[in-house]
Amino acid sequence: MNIPNIDSYEIKTSKTNHKLPVINKIHLHSIYNPVREAENLIKKNIDIFTKKSSILVLGLGFGYHIQQACSELKKIHGDDFMIYVIEPCSKVVDDCLALNIISLENVRILHGKTCDELYSEKDFIEFLLESPGIISHPPSFNLYYDYFKSIIKFKSQCSIDSWTDIITSKEITHYLEDHKNASDMYEIMELVRKKQDSGNEIDYLLLALHEMTSSPQNRAV
């Protein structure tokens, strides 16, 4: 999936004097109170933050929800948390950082990347194998629906060889080598799904990845 086209871009100011991007005439935050909107999004997903210290967020906007997510994760997990954000529009990222709305401590933003480029990053693959909680920023997700859908469905880097080239964990690499007879990663994940409880930690990780890639409607909320 290529980077979505941006036909129009402007920055507006909310009633509470917060900046917000408007892309293709879609407001990526509330024109009234972006901070309260972000607080409500985090409250809606509080169970995920309680259970998970690693979070994947689909969509940055100007990051008010990221700021709130960091605050909530710090309350629950201290400094032991990590947020990855996927944002297709690099202009949004540049403006968000220029406005100093969020801190990049414990946050990594992957922006302006195609699906193939995302799944070629070993750090991102290894982050996914930690079975992160997944939330979407609704305006961004709706604006870039096809882009995020293609990422969640994981339509790239499905060959086993491509994963062994990316993943540096020796344990995971050996696990994949033991499944060389499988045609691709999808087949391995399907085999794992059909297993009874094996007690293998990597089985659990692949089950989580299988859930993420096969049931996006249940994870991107």
Protein backbone atom coordinates (compact mmCIF):
# COMPACT_ATOMS: atom_id res chain seq x y z
CA MET A 1 0.00 0.00 0.00
CA ASN A 2 1.43 3.37 -1.05
CA ILE A 3 1.33 6.53 1.05
CA PRO A 4 -2.14 8.15 0.76
CA ASN A 5 -2.45 11.33 -1.25
CA ILE A 6 -2.86 14.63 0.59
CA ASP A 7 -5.03 16.99 -1.45
CA SER A 8 -5.36 19.75 1.13
CA TYR A 9 -3.68 20.58 4.43
CA GLU A 10 -4.20 23.38 6.91
CA ILE A 11 -3.84 24.06 10.62
CA LYS A 12 -6.76 25.43 12.62
CA THR A 13 -7.13 26.55 16.23
CA SER A 14 -9.73 24.97 18.52
CA LYS A 15 -12.06 26.85 20.87
CA THR A 16 -9.61 25.92 23.67
CA ASN A 17 -6.71 27.45 21.68
CA HIS A 18 -5.17 24.11 20.67
CA LYS A 19 -3.78 23.62 17.17
CA LEU A 20 -5.16 20.84 14.98
CA PRO A 21 -4.46 19.64 11.44
CA VAL A 22 -7.19 19.49 8.82
CA ILE A 23 -6.35 17.07 6.01
CA ASN A 24 -8.52 16.64 2.94
CA LYS A 25 -11.09 18.76 4.83
CA ILE A 26 -11.18 16.29 7.75
CA HIS A 27 -10.46 17.66 11.23
CA LEU A 28 -8.10 15.27 13.01
CA HIS A 29 -9.10 16.58 16.45
CA SER A 30 -12.10 18.23 18.01
CA ILE A 31 -12.51 21.84 16.94
CA TYR A 32 -13.87 22.49 20.46
CA ASN A 33 -11.57 20.67 22.91
CA PRO A 34 -8.89 18.27 21.55
CA VAL A 35 -7.54 17.46 25.02
CA ARG A 36 -10.90 16.36 26.40
CA GLU A 37 -11.48 14.31 23.25
CA ALA A 38 -8.09 12.62 23.80
CA GLU A 39 -8.90 11.93 27.45
CA ASN A 40 -12.14 10.22 26.40
CA LEU A 41 -10.31 8.06 23.85
CA ILE A 42 -7.83 6.86 26.47
CA LYS A 43 -10.62 6.19 28.99
CA LYS A 44 -12.42 4.13 26.36
CA ASN A 45 -9.31 1.96 25.99
CA ILE A 46 -8.23 1.90 29.64
CA ASP A 47 -8.36 -1.91 29.83
CA ILE A 48 -5.69 -2.12 27.12
CA PHE A 49 -3.41 0.28 28.99
CA THR A 50 -3.89 -1.66 32.21
CA LYS A 51 -2.92 -4.97 30.60
CA LYS A 52 -0.25 -3.79 28.17
CA SER A 53 2.86 -1.67 28.58
CA SER A 54 3.53 -1.76 24.83
CA ILE A 55 1.01 0.08 22.66
CA LEU A 56 0.69 0.45 18.89
CA VAL A 57 -1.27 3.57 17.87
CA LEU A 58 -2.64 4.01 14.37
CA GLY A 59 -2.60 7.72 13.61
CA LEU A 60 -0.80 10.69 15.18
CA GLY A 61 -2.69 13.85 14.31
CA PHE A 62 -1.09 16.42 16.59
CA GLY A 63 -0.64 13.83 19.29
CA TYR A 64 -3.04 14.89 22.04
CA HIS A 65 -4.06 11.24 22.49
CA ILE A 66 -0.38 10.24 22.58
CA GLN A 67 0.25 12.77 25.34
CA GLN A 68 -2.67 11.34 27.33
CA ALA A 69 -1.58 7.75 26.62
CA CYS A 70 1.91 8.45 27.96
CA SER A 71 0.45 10.01 31.09
CA GLU A 72 -1.81 7.02 31.70
CA LEU A 73 0.89 4.43 30.98
CA LYS A 74 3.29 6.20 33.32
CA LYS A 75 0.71 6.02 36.12
CA ILE A 76 0.25 2.28 35.59
CA HIS A 77 3.68 1.06 34.47
CA GLY A 78 6.10 3.76 35.59
CA ASP A 79 8.78 4.38 32.96
CA ASP A 80 8.55 0.81 31.65
CA PHE A 81 6.35 1.37 28.61
CA MET A 82 6.69 1.92 24.88
CA ILE A 83 4.41 3.46 22.26
CA TYR A 84 4.85 3.00 18.52
CA VAL A 85 2.82 5.36 16.33
CA ILE A 86 2.18 4.79 12.63
CA GLU A 87 1.41 7.99 10.73
CA PRO A 88 1.42 8.15 6.92
CA CYS A 89 1.74 11.96 6.68
CA SER A 90 5.23 13.22 7.51
CA LYS A 91 4.03 16.84 7.38
CA VAL A 92 1.74 16.17 10.34
CA VAL A 93 4.65 14.71 12.29
CA ASP A 94 6.91 17.67 11.55
CA ASP A 95 4.25 20.17 12.64
CA CYS A 96 3.32 18.19 15.74
CA LEU A 97 6.93 18.08 16.90
CA ALA A 98 7.44 21.76 16.06
CA LEU A 99 4.51 22.62 18.34
CA ASN A 100 6.07 20.61 21.19
CA ILE A 101 2.77 18.88 21.93
CA ILE A 102 4.33 15.52 22.77
CA SER A 103 7.59 14.17 24.14
CA LEU A 104 9.40 11.45 22.21
CA GLU A 105 10.51 9.75 25.41
CA ASN A 106 9.11 6.20 25.27
CA VAL A 107 7.52 7.07 21.91
CA ARG A 108 8.65 6.15 18.41
CA ILE A 109 6.85 7.50 15.35
CA LEU A 110 7.05 5.63 12.03
CA HIS A 111 5.90 8.01 9.34
CA GLY A 112 5.74 8.32 5.59
CA LYS A 113 6.37 4.60 5.10
CA THR A 114 4.72 2.06 2.86
CA CYS A 115 3.68 -1.30 4.29
CA ASP A 116 6.73 -2.97 2.80
CA GLU A 117 8.98 -0.37 4.42
CA LEU A 118 7.28 -0.80 7.80
CA TYR A 119 7.63 -4.56 7.76
CA SER A 120 11.26 -4.27 6.72
CA GLU A 121 12.14 -2.63 10.06
CA LYS A 122 13.41 -5.24 12.50
CA ASP A 123 12.61 -3.05 15.53
CA PHE A 124 8.99 -2.81 14.43
CA ILE A 125 8.71 -6.57 13.82
CA GLU A 126 10.19 -7.34 17.23
CA PHE A 127 7.85 -4.79 18.81
CA LEU A 128 4.87 -6.61 17.22
CA LEU A 129 6.14 -9.89 18.61
CA GLU A 130 5.77 -8.39 22.08
CA SER A 131 2.01 -8.54 21.44
CA PRO A 132 1.31 -4.82 21.96
CA GLY A 133 -2.10 -3.39 22.69
CA ILE A 134 -3.52 -1.70 19.61
CA ILE A 135 -5.67 1.41 19.43
CA SER A 136 -6.59 3.68 16.57
CA HIS A 137 -6.99 7.43 16.46
CA PRO A 138 -10.49 7.43 14.91
CA PRO A 139 -10.22 10.50 12.60
CA SER A 140 -6.84 9.35 11.29
CA PHE A 141 -8.01 5.76 10.91
CA ASN A 142 -11.07 6.84 8.92
CA LEU A 143 -9.03 9.23 6.76
CA TYR A 144 -6.41 6.61 5.93
CA TYR A 145 -8.67 3.56 6.21
CA ASP A 146 -7.20 1.58 3.29
CA TYR A 147 -3.65 2.33 4.40
CA PHE A 148 -4.17 1.20 7.99
CA LYS A 149 -6.27 -1.78 6.90
CA SER A 150 -3.43 -3.01 4.69
CA ILE A 151 -0.99 -2.67 7.60
CA ILE A 152 -3.23 -4.54 10.03
CA LYS A 153 -3.87 -7.31 7.53
CA PHE A 154 -0.12 -7.67 7.16
CA LYS A 155 0.13 -8.15 3.40
CA SER A 156 3.91 -7.93 3.20
CA GLN A 157 7.00 -9.73 4.41
CA CYS A 158 5.16 -13.05 4.72
CA SER A 159 8.04 -15.30 3.68
CA ILE A 160 9.94 -17.06 6.46
CA ASP A 161 13.28 -16.04 5.00
CA SER A 162 12.33 -12.36 5.13
CA TRP A 163 11.56 -12.68 8.84
CA THR A 164 14.78 -14.51 9.69
CA ASP A 165 16.65 -11.70 7.90
CA ILE A 166 14.88 -9.08 10.04
CA ILE A 167 14.53 -10.61 13.49
CA THR A 168 17.71 -10.60 15.60
CA SER A 169 16.41 -12.77 18.46
CA LYS A 170 18.25 -16.11 18.24
CA GLU A 171 15.38 -17.91 19.95
CA ILE A 172 12.83 -16.64 17.43
CA THR A 173 15.19 -17.28 14.52
CA HIS A 174 15.68 -20.90 15.61
CA TYR A 175 11.91 -21.25 16.01
CA LEU A 176 11.38 -20.10 12.41
CA GLU A 177 14.13 -22.38 11.14
CA ASP A 178 12.33 -25.31 12.77
CA HIS A 179 9.30 -24.46 10.61
CA LYS A 180 11.11 -24.25 7.28
CA ASN A 181 8.65 -26.73 5.76
CA ALA A 182 5.87 -24.17 6.08
CA SER A 183 5.29 -22.11 2.94
CA ASP A 184 5.14 -18.76 4.74
CA MET A 185 4.45 -16.99 8.04
CA TYR A 186 0.71 -17.24 7.53
CA GLU A 187 0.94 -21.03 7.48
CA ILE A 188 3.02 -21.06 10.67
CA MET A 189 0.54 -18.80 12.45
CA GLU A 190 -2.35 -21.01 11.31
CA LEU A 191 -0.56 -24.12 12.59
CA VAL A 192 0.07 -22.42 15.92
CA ARG A 193 -3.57 -21.38 16.14
CA LYS A 194 -4.69 -25.01 15.78
CA LYS A 195 -2.34 -26.27 18.50
CA GLN A 196 -3.44 -27.12 22.00
CA ASP A 197 -1.74 -25.10 24.75
CA SER A 198 1.96 -25.79 24.14
CA GLY A 199 3.41 -23.52 26.82
CA ASN A 200 5.81 -22.10 24.20
CA GLU A 201 6.20 -18.32 24.59
CA ILE A 202 6.81 -17.81 20.87
CA ASP A 203 3.60 -19.73 20.12
CA TYR A 204 1.81 -17.20 22.31
CA LEU A 205 3.42 -14.29 20.46
CA LEU A 206 2.45 -15.68 17.07
CA LEU A 207 -1.09 -16.30 18.28
CA ALA A 208 -1.27 -12.63 19.23
CA LEU A 209 0.06 -11.63 15.81
CA HIS A 210 -2.44 -14.00 14.16
CA GLU A 211 -5.25 -12.30 16.07
CA MET A 212 -4.00 -8.87 15.06
CA THR A 213 -3.69 -9.71 11.37
CA SER A 214 -6.85 -11.75 10.95
CA SER A 215 -9.27 -9.71 13.09
CA PRO A 216 -8.55 -6.00 12.65
CA GLN A 217 -12.11 -5.07 13.52
CA ASN A 218 -11.59 -6.49 17.01
CA ARG A 219 -8.29 -4.73 17.68
CA ALA A 220 -8.43 -1.32 16.01
CA VAL A 221 -11.03 0.47 18.10
